[in-house]
Amino acid sequence: AQTQIQVHTLATAKSDETTNVTAL
């Protein structure tokens, strides 16, 4: 469960970072 949560968190953070960098 912790591994899934960490993977989901990292994927979400990476997608948000990509979106923000593109917008910037």
PDB file of all heavy atoms in Angstrom:
ATOM      1  N   ALA A   1       0.828  -1.213   0.000  1.00  0.00           N
ATOM      2  CA  ALA A   1       0.000   0.000   0.000  1.00  0.00           C
ATOM      3  C   ALA A   1       0.856   1.253   0.000  1.00  0.00           C
ATOM      4  O   ALA A   1       0.585   2.221  -0.734  1.00  0.00           O
ATOM      5  CB  ALA A   1      -0.936  -0.024   1.207  1.00  0.00           C
ATOM      6  N   GLN A   2       1.907   1.260   0.823  1.00  0.00           N
ATOM      7  CA  GLN A   2       2.792   2.418   0.849  1.00  0.00           C
ATOM      8  C   GLN A   2       3.492   2.623  -0.490  1.00  0.00           C
ATOM      9  O   GLN A   2       3.656   3.751  -0.954  1.00  0.00           O
ATOM     10  CB  GLN A   2       3.829   2.241   1.958  1.00  0.00           C
ATOM     11  CG  GLN A   2       3.250   2.349   3.367  1.00  0.00           C
ATOM     12  CD  GLN A   2       4.310   2.185   4.429  1.00  0.00           C
ATOM     13  OE1 GLN A   2       5.488   1.985   4.115  1.00  0.00           O
ATOM     14  NE2 GLN A   2       3.902   2.252   5.691  1.00  0.00           N
ATOM     15  N   THR A   3       3.887   1.517  -1.122  1.00  0.00           N
ATOM     16  CA  THR A   3       4.530   1.639  -2.436  1.00  0.00           C
ATOM     17  C   THR A   3       3.573   2.228  -3.472  1.00  0.00           C
ATOM     18  O   THR A   3       3.944   3.107  -4.260  1.00  0.00           O
ATOM     19  CB  THR A   3       5.013   0.256  -2.897  1.00  0.00           C
ATOM     20  OG1 THR A   3       5.891  -0.291  -1.909  1.00  0.00           O
ATOM     21  CG2 THR A   3       5.752   0.369  -4.219  1.00  0.00           C
ATOM     22  N   GLN A   4       2.330   1.760  -3.457  1.00  0.00           N
ATOM     23  CA  GLN A   4       1.346   2.307  -4.392  1.00  0.00           C
ATOM     24  C   GLN A   4       1.100   3.785  -4.130  1.00  0.00           C
ATOM     25  O   GLN A   4       0.989   4.589  -5.074  1.00  0.00           O
ATOM     26  CB  GLN A   4       0.040   1.515  -4.272  1.00  0.00           C
ATOM     27  CG  GLN A   4       0.127   0.082  -4.793  1.00  0.00           C
ATOM     28  CD  GLN A   4      -1.188  -0.657  -4.645  1.00  0.00           C
ATOM     29  OE1 GLN A   4      -2.149  -0.113  -4.120  1.00  0.00           O
ATOM     30  NE2 GLN A   4      -1.213  -1.903  -5.097  1.00  0.00           N
ATOM     31  N   ILE A   5       1.010   4.164  -2.856  1.00  0.00           N
ATOM     32  CA  ILE A   5       0.793   5.580  -2.527  1.00  0.00           C
ATOM     33  C   ILE A   5       1.966   6.427  -2.985  1.00  0.00           C
ATOM     34  O   ILE A   5       1.787   7.514  -3.571  1.00  0.00           O
ATOM     35  CB  ILE A   5       0.559   5.733  -1.010  1.00  0.00           C
ATOM     36  CG1 ILE A   5      -0.768   5.087  -0.610  1.00  0.00           C
ATOM     37  CG2 ILE A   5       0.568   7.201  -0.610  1.00  0.00           C
ATOM     38  CD1 ILE A   5      -0.990   5.025   0.878  1.00  0.00           C
ATOM     39  N   GLN A   6       3.178   5.934  -2.758  1.00  0.00           N
ATOM     40  CA  GLN A   6       4.356   6.693  -3.176  1.00  0.00           C
ATOM     41  C   GLN A   6       4.414   6.820  -4.699  1.00  0.00           C
ATOM     42  O   GLN A   6       4.737   7.884  -5.238  1.00  0.00           O
ATOM     43  CB  GLN A   6       5.627   6.011  -2.647  1.00  0.00           C
ATOM     44  CG  GLN A   6       5.764   6.045  -1.135  1.00  0.00           C
ATOM     45  CD  GLN A   6       5.919   7.456  -0.615  1.00  0.00           C
ATOM     46  OE1 GLN A   6       6.397   8.337  -1.327  1.00  0.00           O
ATOM     47  NE2 GLN A   6       5.513   7.673   0.633  1.00  0.00           N
ATOM     48  N   VAL A   7       4.119   5.719  -5.401  1.00  0.00           N
ATOM     49  CA  VAL A   7       4.142   5.768  -6.874  1.00  0.00           C
ATOM     50  C   VAL A   7       3.088   6.741  -7.385  1.00  0.00           C
ATOM     51  O   VAL A   7       3.348   7.560  -8.295  1.00  0.00           O
ATOM     52  CB  VAL A   7       3.917   4.353  -7.445  1.00  0.00           C
ATOM     53  CG1 VAL A   7       3.697   4.418  -8.952  1.00  0.00           C
ATOM     54  CG2 VAL A   7       5.114   3.460  -7.122  1.00  0.00           C
ATOM     55  N   HIS A   8       1.897   6.701  -6.789  1.00  0.00           N
ATOM     56  CA  HIS A   8       0.837   7.614  -7.210  1.00  0.00           C
ATOM     57  C   HIS A   8       1.225   9.065  -6.919  1.00  0.00           C
ATOM     58  O   HIS A   8       0.992   9.966  -7.747  1.00  0.00           O
ATOM     59  CB  HIS A   8      -0.464   7.253  -6.500  1.00  0.00           C
ATOM     60  CG  HIS A   8      -1.614   8.160  -6.846  1.00  0.00           C
ATOM     61  ND1 HIS A   8      -2.218   8.138  -8.093  1.00  0.00           N
ATOM     62  CD2 HIS A   8      -2.251   9.115  -6.109  1.00  0.00           C
ATOM     63  CE1 HIS A   8      -3.186   9.050  -8.112  1.00  0.00           C
ATOM     64  NE2 HIS A   8      -3.221   9.654  -6.912  1.00  0.00           N
ATOM     65  N   THR A   9       1.842   9.289  -5.752  1.00  0.00           N
ATOM     66  CA  THR A   9       2.254  10.652  -5.403  1.00  0.00           C
ATOM     67  C   THR A   9       3.321  11.176  -6.337  1.00  0.00           C
ATOM     68  O   THR A   9       3.273  12.320  -6.800  1.00  0.00           O
ATOM     69  CB  THR A   9       2.769  10.663  -3.952  1.00  0.00           C
ATOM     70  OG1 THR A   9       1.750  10.170  -3.084  1.00  0.00           O
ATOM     71  CG2 THR A   9       3.144  12.076  -3.524  1.00  0.00           C
ATOM     72  N   LEU A  10       4.303  10.310  -6.641  1.00  0.00           N
ATOM     73  CA  LEU A  10       5.361  10.734  -7.563  1.00  0.00           C
ATOM     74  C   LEU A  10       4.815  11.000  -8.960  1.00  0.00           C
ATOM     75  O   LEU A  10       5.200  11.971  -9.622  1.00  0.00           O
ATOM     76  CB  LEU A  10       6.452   9.659  -7.617  1.00  0.00           C
ATOM     77  CG  LEU A  10       7.286   9.480  -6.335  1.00  0.00           C
ATOM     78  CD1 LEU A  10       8.240   8.309  -6.492  1.00  0.00           C
ATOM     79  CD2 LEU A  10       8.062  10.749  -6.036  1.00  0.00           C
ATOM     80  N   ALA A  11       3.899  10.126  -9.408  1.00  0.00           N
ATOM     81  CA  ALA A  11       3.316  10.348 -10.743  1.00  0.00           C
ATOM     82  C   ALA A  11       2.514  11.638 -10.788  1.00  0.00           C
ATOM     83  O   ALA A  11       2.590  12.416 -11.748  1.00  0.00           O
ATOM     84  CB  ALA A  11       2.436   9.152 -11.112  1.00  0.00           C
ATOM     85  N   THR A  12       1.746  11.901  -9.732  1.00  0.00           N
ATOM     86  CA  THR A  12       0.963  13.132  -9.678  1.00  0.00           C
ATOM     87  C   THR A  12       1.861  14.349  -9.637  1.00  0.00           C
ATOM     88  O   THR A  12       1.612  15.357 -10.344  1.00  0.00           O
ATOM     89  CB  THR A  12       0.044  13.105  -8.446  1.00  0.00           C
ATOM     90  OG1 THR A  12      -0.765  11.942  -8.487  1.00  0.00           O
ATOM     91  CG2 THR A  12      -0.844  14.331  -8.409  1.00  0.00           C
ATOM     92  N   ALA A  13       2.897  14.294  -8.814  1.00  0.00           N
ATOM     93  CA  ALA A  13       3.815  15.431  -8.727  1.00  0.00           C
ATOM     94  C   ALA A  13       4.526  15.664 -10.052  1.00  0.00           C
ATOM     95  O   ALA A  13       4.724  16.805 -10.477  1.00  0.00           O
ATOM     96  CB  ALA A  13       4.827  15.190  -7.612  1.00  0.00           C
ATOM     97  N   LYS A  14       4.901  14.577 -10.734  1.00  0.00           N
ATOM     98  CA  LYS A  14       5.592  14.734 -12.006  1.00  0.00           C
ATOM     99  C   LYS A  14       4.663  15.354 -13.058  1.00  0.00           C
ATOM    100  O   LYS A  14       5.061  16.226 -13.821  1.00  0.00           O
ATOM    101  CB  LYS A  14       6.112  13.376 -12.484  1.00  0.00           C
ATOM    102  CG  LYS A  14       6.949  13.462 -13.751  1.00  0.00           C
ATOM    103  CD  LYS A  14       7.476  12.101 -14.156  1.00  0.00           C
ATOM    104  CE  LYS A  14       8.509  11.628 -13.154  1.00  0.00           C
ATOM    105  NZ  LYS A  14       9.128  10.358 -13.589  1.00  0.00           N
ATOM    106  N   SER A  15       3.415  14.900 -13.088  1.00  0.00           N
ATOM    107  CA  SER A  15       2.479  15.466 -14.066  1.00  0.00           C
ATOM    108  C   SER A  15       2.192  16.933 -13.770  1.00  0.00           C
ATOM    109  O   SER A  15       2.142  17.777 -14.680  1.00  0.00           O
ATOM    110  CB  SER A  15       1.179  14.661 -14.066  1.00  0.00           C
ATOM    111  OG  SER A  15       0.569  14.734 -12.787  1.00  0.00           O
ATOM    112  N   ASP A  16       2.047  17.267 -12.467  1.00  0.00           N
ATOM    113  CA  ASP A  16       1.815  18.672 -12.113  1.00  0.00           C
ATOM    114  C   ASP A  16       3.014  19.525 -12.460  1.00  0.00           C
ATOM    115  O   ASP A  16       2.873  20.657 -12.955  1.00  0.00           O
ATOM    116  CB  ASP A  16       1.507  18.784 -10.621  1.00  0.00           C
ATOM    117  CG  ASP A  16       0.175  18.138 -10.265  1.00  0.00           C
ATOM    118  OD1 ASP A  16      -0.637  17.928 -11.193  1.00  0.00           O
ATOM    119  OD2 ASP A  16      -0.045  17.833  -9.073  1.00  0.00           O
ATOM    120  N   GLU A  17       4.198  18.994 -12.223  1.00  0.00           N
ATOM    121  CA  GLU A  17       5.400  19.756 -12.548  1.00  0.00           C
ATOM    122  C   GLU A  17       5.521  19.982 -14.050  1.00  0.00           C
ATOM    123  O   GLU A  17       5.858  21.076 -14.511  1.00  0.00           O
ATOM    124  CB  GLU A  17       6.631  19.005 -12.021  1.00  0.00           C
ATOM    125  CG  GLU A  17       7.926  19.758 -12.234  1.00  0.00           C
ATOM    126  CD  GLU A  17       9.115  18.985 -11.715  1.00  0.00           C
ATOM    127  OE1 GLU A  17       8.912  17.859 -11.242  1.00  0.00           O
ATOM    128  OE2 GLU A  17      10.240  19.514 -11.795  1.00  0.00           O
ATOM    129  N   THR A  18       5.200  18.940 -14.824  1.00  0.00           N
ATOM    130  CA  THR A  18       5.261  19.086 -16.291  1.00  0.00           C
ATOM    131  C   THR A  18       4.255  20.124 -16.773  1.00  0.00           C
ATOM    132  O   THR A  18       4.558  20.973 -17.621  1.00  0.00           O
ATOM    133  CB  THR A  18       4.982  17.735 -16.954  1.00  0.00           C
ATOM    134  OG1 THR A  18       5.903  16.765 -16.453  1.00  0.00           O
ATOM    135  CG2 THR A  18       5.120  17.846 -18.454  1.00  0.00           C
ATOM    136  N   THR A  19       3.067  20.092 -16.212  1.00  0.00           N
ATOM    137  CA  THR A  19       2.033  21.053 -16.600  1.00  0.00           C
ATOM    138  C   THR A  19       2.441  22.476 -16.250  1.00  0.00           C
ATOM    139  O   THR A  19       2.303  23.402 -17.056  1.00  0.00           O
ATOM    140  CB  THR A  19       0.702  20.705 -15.906  1.00  0.00           C
ATOM    141  OG1 THR A  19       0.358  19.368 -16.232  1.00  0.00           O
ATOM    142  CG2 THR A  19      -0.391  21.651 -16.328  1.00  0.00           C
ATOM    143  N   ASN A  20       2.990  22.652 -15.043  1.00  0.00           N
ATOM    144  CA  ASN A  20       3.388  23.990 -14.626  1.00  0.00           C
ATOM    145  C   ASN A  20       4.565  24.516 -15.440  1.00  0.00           C
ATOM    146  O   ASN A  20       4.627  25.712 -15.769  1.00  0.00           O
ATOM    147  CB  ASN A  20       3.745  23.976 -13.152  1.00  0.00           C
ATOM    148  CG  ASN A  20       2.524  23.747 -12.281  1.00  0.00           C
ATOM    149  OD1 ASN A  20       1.433  24.194 -12.620  1.00  0.00           O
ATOM    150  ND2 ASN A  20       2.699  23.040 -11.167  1.00  0.00           N
ATOM    151  N   VAL A  21       5.521  23.633 -15.763  1.00  0.00           N
ATOM    152  CA  VAL A  21       6.661  24.065 -16.575  1.00  0.00           C
ATOM    153  C   VAL A  21       6.203  24.478 -17.965  1.00  0.00           C
ATOM    154  O   VAL A  21       6.654  25.491 -18.531  1.00  0.00           O
ATOM    155  CB  VAL A  21       7.710  22.939 -16.647  1.00  0.00           C
ATOM    156  CG1 VAL A  21       8.771  23.262 -17.678  1.00  0.00           C
ATOM    157  CG2 VAL A  21       8.360  22.746 -15.287  1.00  0.00           C
ATOM    158  N   THR A  22       5.278  23.699 -18.540  1.00  0.00           N
ATOM    159  CA  THR A  22       4.762  24.059 -19.881  1.00  0.00           C
ATOM    160  C   THR A  22       4.033  25.391 -19.844  1.00  0.00           C
ATOM    161  O   THR A  22       4.219  26.257 -20.735  1.00  0.00           O
ATOM    162  CB  THR A  22       3.806  22.952 -20.359  1.00  0.00           C
ATOM    163  OG1 THR A  22       4.504  21.716 -20.345  1.00  0.00           O
ATOM    164  CG2 THR A  22       3.329  23.260 -21.773  1.00  0.00           C
ATOM    165  N   ALA A  23       3.225  25.582 -18.812  1.00  0.00           N
ATOM    166  CA  ALA A  23       2.502  26.850 -18.701  1.00  0.00           C
ATOM    167  C   ALA A  23       3.457  28.003 -18.493  1.00  0.00           C
ATOM    168  O   ALA A  23       3.274  29.094 -19.057  1.00  0.00           O
ATOM    169  CB  ALA A  23       1.495  26.783 -17.555  1.00  0.00           C
ATOM    170  N   LEU A  24       4.503  27.781 -17.717  1.00  0.00           N
ATOM    171  CA  LEU A  24       5.470  28.834 -17.477  1.00  0.00           C
ATOM    172  C   LEU A  24       6.223  29.192 -18.739  1.00  0.00           C
ATOM    173  O   LEU A  24       6.459  30.372 -19.029  1.00  0.00           O
ATOM    174  CB  LEU A  24       6.438  28.387 -16.373  1.00  0.00           C
ATOM    175  CG  LEU A  24       7.484  29.401 -15.938  1.00  0.00           C
ATOM    176  CD1 LEU A  24       6.806  30.646 -15.379  1.00  0.00           C
ATOM    177  CD2 LEU A  24       8.429  28.799 -14.902  1.00  0.00           C
TER     178      LEU A  24
END
